[in-house]
Amino acid sequence: MKIYPAIFSGRNGSVELLIPDFPGMLIEGDTLVQATEKAEKAIMAQDEMPEPSNMKHTHLVEGENVIMIPIEEHETKNTKRIRRNVTIPQYLNDWAKQTGINVSQILTEALDQKFKTTE
């Protein structure tokens, strides 16, 4: 698990979260819960997950607080595609070719559903 700090502030009736470990990542939401959920999704969508920074020497302005966002590393999605050999029955392979089905896409969707990684 990695726990990323986020600088929380409320402005104009909304919530903003600045995530220092991901330059340029500024998340807005109507509530802190909504902003935190958006931040979790945005972090998990990143290709690289840096080590969380130490916020000891961060200077906050009035109205800012630091909150922590825990991210389970297995929940992050590395979308890099890899080649994986699988064995399927001949009739399914023939059927997939005849109908233009992308077996890799079907396998990916099935695994996503099995492990509940999609919304």
C-alpha atoms as a PDB file:
ATOM      1  CA  MET A   1       0.000   0.000   0.000  1.00  0.00           C
ATOM      2  CA  LYS A   2       1.143   3.505  -0.780  1.00  0.00           C
ATOM      3  CA  ILE A   3      -0.288   6.487   1.060  1.00  0.00           C
ATOM      4  CA  TYR A   4      -0.149   9.747  -0.867  1.00  0.00           C
ATOM      5  CA  PRO A   5      -0.536  13.126   0.792  1.00  0.00           C
ATOM      6  CA  ALA A   6      -3.009  15.591  -0.655  1.00  0.00           C
ATOM      7  CA  ILE A   7      -3.435  19.260   0.170  1.00  0.00           C
ATOM      8  CA  PHE A   8      -7.099  19.858   0.891  1.00  0.00           C
ATOM      9  CA  SER A   9      -8.807  23.218   0.643  1.00  0.00           C
ATOM     10  CA  GLY A  10     -12.390  24.367   0.349  1.00  0.00           C
ATOM     11  CA  ARG A  11     -13.031  27.152  -2.137  1.00  0.00           C
ATOM     12  CA  ASN A  12     -16.260  28.653  -3.421  1.00  0.00           C
ATOM     13  CA  GLY A  13     -18.412  25.824  -2.077  1.00  0.00           C
ATOM     14  CA  SER A  14     -16.299  23.051  -3.557  1.00  0.00           C
ATOM     15  CA  VAL A  15     -13.333  20.993  -2.447  1.00  0.00           C
ATOM     16  CA  GLU A  16      -9.916  20.975  -4.109  1.00  0.00           C
ATOM     17  CA  LEU A  17      -7.232  18.356  -3.638  1.00  0.00           C
ATOM     18  CA  LEU A  18      -3.702  19.008  -4.864  1.00  0.00           C
ATOM     19  CA  ILE A  19      -1.652  15.818  -5.092  1.00  0.00           C
ATOM     20  CA  PRO A  20       2.021  16.924  -4.935  1.00  0.00           C
ATOM     21  CA  ASP A  21       3.447  13.535  -5.994  1.00  0.00           C
ATOM     22  CA  PHE A  22       1.663  13.857  -9.356  1.00  0.00           C
ATOM     23  CA  PRO A  23       2.595  17.243 -10.844  1.00  0.00           C
ATOM     24  CA  GLY A  24      -0.403  19.103 -12.186  1.00  0.00           C
ATOM     25  CA  MET A  25      -2.957  16.828 -10.516  1.00  0.00           C
ATOM     26  CA  LEU A  26      -5.651  19.058  -9.042  1.00  0.00           C
ATOM     27  CA  ILE A  27      -8.939  17.351  -8.231  1.00  0.00           C
ATOM     28  CA  GLU A  28     -12.228  19.119  -7.556  1.00  0.00           C
ATOM     29  CA  GLY A  29     -15.399  17.782  -6.007  1.00  0.00           C
ATOM     30  CA  ASP A  30     -18.575  18.947  -4.320  1.00  0.00           C
ATOM     31  CA  THR A  31     -17.562  17.182  -1.093  1.00  0.00           C
ATOM     32  CA  LEU A  32     -14.353  15.852   0.411  1.00  0.00           C
ATOM     33  CA  VAL A  33     -15.582  12.293  -0.133  1.00  0.00           C
ATOM     34  CA  GLN A  34     -16.274  12.951  -3.816  1.00  0.00           C
ATOM     35  CA  ALA A  35     -12.925  14.685  -4.341  1.00  0.00           C
ATOM     36  CA  THR A  36     -11.090  11.867  -2.550  1.00  0.00           C
ATOM     37  CA  GLU A  37     -12.798   9.212  -4.701  1.00  0.00           C
ATOM     38  CA  LYS A  38     -11.869  11.154  -7.851  1.00  0.00           C
ATOM     39  CA  ALA A  39      -8.285  11.484  -6.606  1.00  0.00           C
ATOM     40  CA  GLU A  40      -8.042   7.728  -5.962  1.00  0.00           C
ATOM     41  CA  LYS A  41      -9.217   6.986  -9.509  1.00  0.00           C
ATOM     42  CA  ALA A  42      -6.857   9.564 -10.994  1.00  0.00           C
ATOM     43  CA  ILE A  43      -3.894   8.151  -9.074  1.00  0.00           C
ATOM     44  CA  MET A  44      -4.728   4.551 -10.019  1.00  0.00           C
ATOM     45  CA  ALA A  45      -4.894   5.557 -13.688  1.00  0.00           C
ATOM     46  CA  GLN A  46      -1.277   6.762 -13.671  1.00  0.00           C
ATOM     47  CA  ASP A  47       1.334   4.721 -15.526  1.00  0.00           C
ATOM     48  CA  GLU A  48       3.922   5.160 -12.785  1.00  0.00           C
ATOM     49  CA  MET A  49       3.405   5.200  -9.054  1.00  0.00           C
ATOM     50  CA  PRO A  50       6.200   7.184  -7.373  1.00  0.00           C
ATOM     51  CA  GLU A  51       7.037   6.724  -3.734  1.00  0.00           C
ATOM     52  CA  PRO A  52       4.879   9.043  -1.603  1.00  0.00           C
ATOM     53  CA  SER A  53       6.574  12.244  -0.543  1.00  0.00           C
ATOM     54  CA  ASN A  54       7.241  13.427   2.965  1.00  0.00           C
ATOM     55  CA  MET A  55       5.099  16.455   3.797  1.00  0.00           C
ATOM     56  CA  LYS A  56       7.139  17.497   6.865  1.00  0.00           C
ATOM     57  CA  HIS A  57       8.559  20.607   5.233  1.00  0.00           C
ATOM     58  CA  THR A  58       5.467  21.651   3.303  1.00  0.00           C
ATOM     59  CA  HIS A  59       4.184  25.099   4.168  1.00  0.00           C
ATOM     60  CA  LEU A  60       0.434  25.371   4.092  1.00  0.00           C
ATOM     61  CA  VAL A  61      -1.528  28.586   3.787  1.00  0.00           C
ATOM     62  CA  GLU A  62      -4.584  29.379   5.880  1.00  0.00           C
ATOM     63  CA  GLY A  63      -7.483  27.101   4.999  1.00  0.00           C
ATOM     64  CA  GLU A  64      -5.281  24.246   3.732  1.00  0.00           C
ATOM     65  CA  ASN A  65      -4.890  20.876   5.424  1.00  0.00           C
ATOM     66  CA  VAL A  66      -3.125  17.668   4.515  1.00  0.00           C
ATOM     67  CA  ILE A  67      -5.100  14.474   4.128  1.00  0.00           C
ATOM     68  CA  MET A  68      -3.742  11.060   3.217  1.00  0.00           C
ATOM     69  CA  ILE A  69      -5.021   8.944   0.324  1.00  0.00           C
ATOM     70  CA  PRO A  70      -4.256   5.223   0.658  1.00  0.00           C
ATOM     71  CA  ILE A  71      -3.830   3.307  -2.593  1.00  0.00           C
ATOM     72  CA  GLU A  72      -3.614  -0.472  -2.709  1.00  0.00           C
ATOM     73  CA  GLU A  73      -0.954  -1.209  -5.302  1.00  0.00           C
ATOM     74  CA  HIS A  74      -2.842  -4.207  -6.672  1.00  0.00           C
ATOM     75  CA  GLU A  75      -5.724  -1.831  -7.436  1.00  0.00           C
ATOM     76  CA  THR A  76      -3.619   0.265  -9.768  1.00  0.00           C
ATOM     77  CA  LYS A  77      -4.021  -0.507 -13.398  1.00  0.00           C
ATOM     78  CA  ASN A  78      -0.886  -0.791 -15.430  1.00  0.00           C
ATOM     79  CA  THR A  79      -2.476  -0.700 -18.873  1.00  0.00           C
ATOM     80  CA  LYS A  80       0.680  -1.781 -20.658  1.00  0.00           C
ATOM     81  CA  ARG A  81      -0.233  -4.714 -22.889  1.00  0.00           C
ATOM     82  CA  ILE A  82       1.729  -7.935 -22.610  1.00  0.00           C
ATOM     83  CA  ARG A  83       1.700 -11.035 -24.790  1.00  0.00           C
ATOM     84  CA  ARG A  84       0.289 -14.074 -23.013  1.00  0.00           C
ATOM     85  CA  ASN A  85      -0.225 -17.474 -24.597  1.00  0.00           C
ATOM     86  CA  VAL A  86      -3.518 -19.150 -23.739  1.00  0.00           C
ATOM     87  CA  THR A  87      -5.081 -22.408 -24.819  1.00  0.00           C
ATOM     88  CA  ILE A  88      -8.682 -22.490 -26.043  1.00  0.00           C
ATOM     89  CA  PRO A  89     -10.691 -25.175 -27.841  1.00  0.00           C
ATOM     90  CA  GLN A  90     -10.311 -25.227 -31.640  1.00  0.00           C
ATOM     91  CA  TYR A  91     -14.035 -24.626 -32.241  1.00  0.00           C
ATOM     92  CA  LEU A  92     -13.926 -21.410 -30.179  1.00  0.00           C
ATOM     93  CA  ASN A  93     -10.857 -20.212 -32.055  1.00  0.00           C
ATOM     94  CA  ASP A  94     -12.572 -20.963 -35.403  1.00  0.00           C
ATOM     95  CA  TRP A  95     -15.741 -19.219 -34.281  1.00  0.00           C
ATOM     96  CA  ALA A  96     -13.807 -16.158 -33.093  1.00  0.00           C
ATOM     97  CA  LYS A  97     -11.981 -15.879 -36.428  1.00  0.00           C
ATOM     98  CA  GLN A  98     -15.203 -16.282 -38.454  1.00  0.00           C
ATOM     99  CA  THR A  99     -17.079 -13.652 -36.452  1.00  0.00           C
ATOM    100  CA  GLY A 100     -14.179 -11.214 -36.087  1.00  0.00           C
ATOM    101  CA  ILE A 101     -14.097 -11.491 -32.302  1.00  0.00           C
ATOM    102  CA  ASN A 102     -10.970 -10.125 -30.620  1.00  0.00           C
ATOM    103  CA  VAL A 103     -10.067 -12.936 -28.201  1.00  0.00           C
ATOM    104  CA  SER A 104      -7.612 -10.721 -26.283  1.00  0.00           C
ATOM    105  CA  GLN A 105     -10.304  -8.117 -25.686  1.00  0.00           C
ATOM    106  CA  ILE A 106     -12.805 -10.753 -24.529  1.00  0.00           C
ATOM    107  CA  LEU A 107     -10.235 -12.271 -22.169  1.00  0.00           C
ATOM    108  CA  THR A 108      -9.368  -8.840 -20.746  1.00  0.00           C
ATOM    109  CA  GLU A 109     -13.045  -8.005 -20.170  1.00  0.00           C
ATOM    110  CA  ALA A 110     -13.667 -11.408 -18.551  1.00  0.00           C
ATOM    111  CA  LEU A 111     -10.696 -11.024 -16.198  1.00  0.00           C
ATOM    112  CA  ASP A 112     -11.761  -7.462 -15.316  1.00  0.00           C
ATOM    113  CA  GLN A 113     -15.226  -8.746 -14.481  1.00  0.00           C
ATOM    114  CA  LYS A 114     -13.877 -11.739 -12.537  1.00  0.00           C
ATOM    115  CA  PHE A 115     -11.650  -9.550 -10.386  1.00  0.00           C
ATOM    116  CA  LYS A 116     -14.123  -6.644 -10.314  1.00  0.00           C
ATOM    117  CA  THR A 117     -11.542  -4.102 -11.502  1.00  0.00           C
ATOM    118  CA  THR A 118     -14.016  -2.173 -13.647  1.00  0.00           C
ATOM    119  CA  GLU A 119     -16.884  -0.014 -12.515  1.00  0.00           C
END
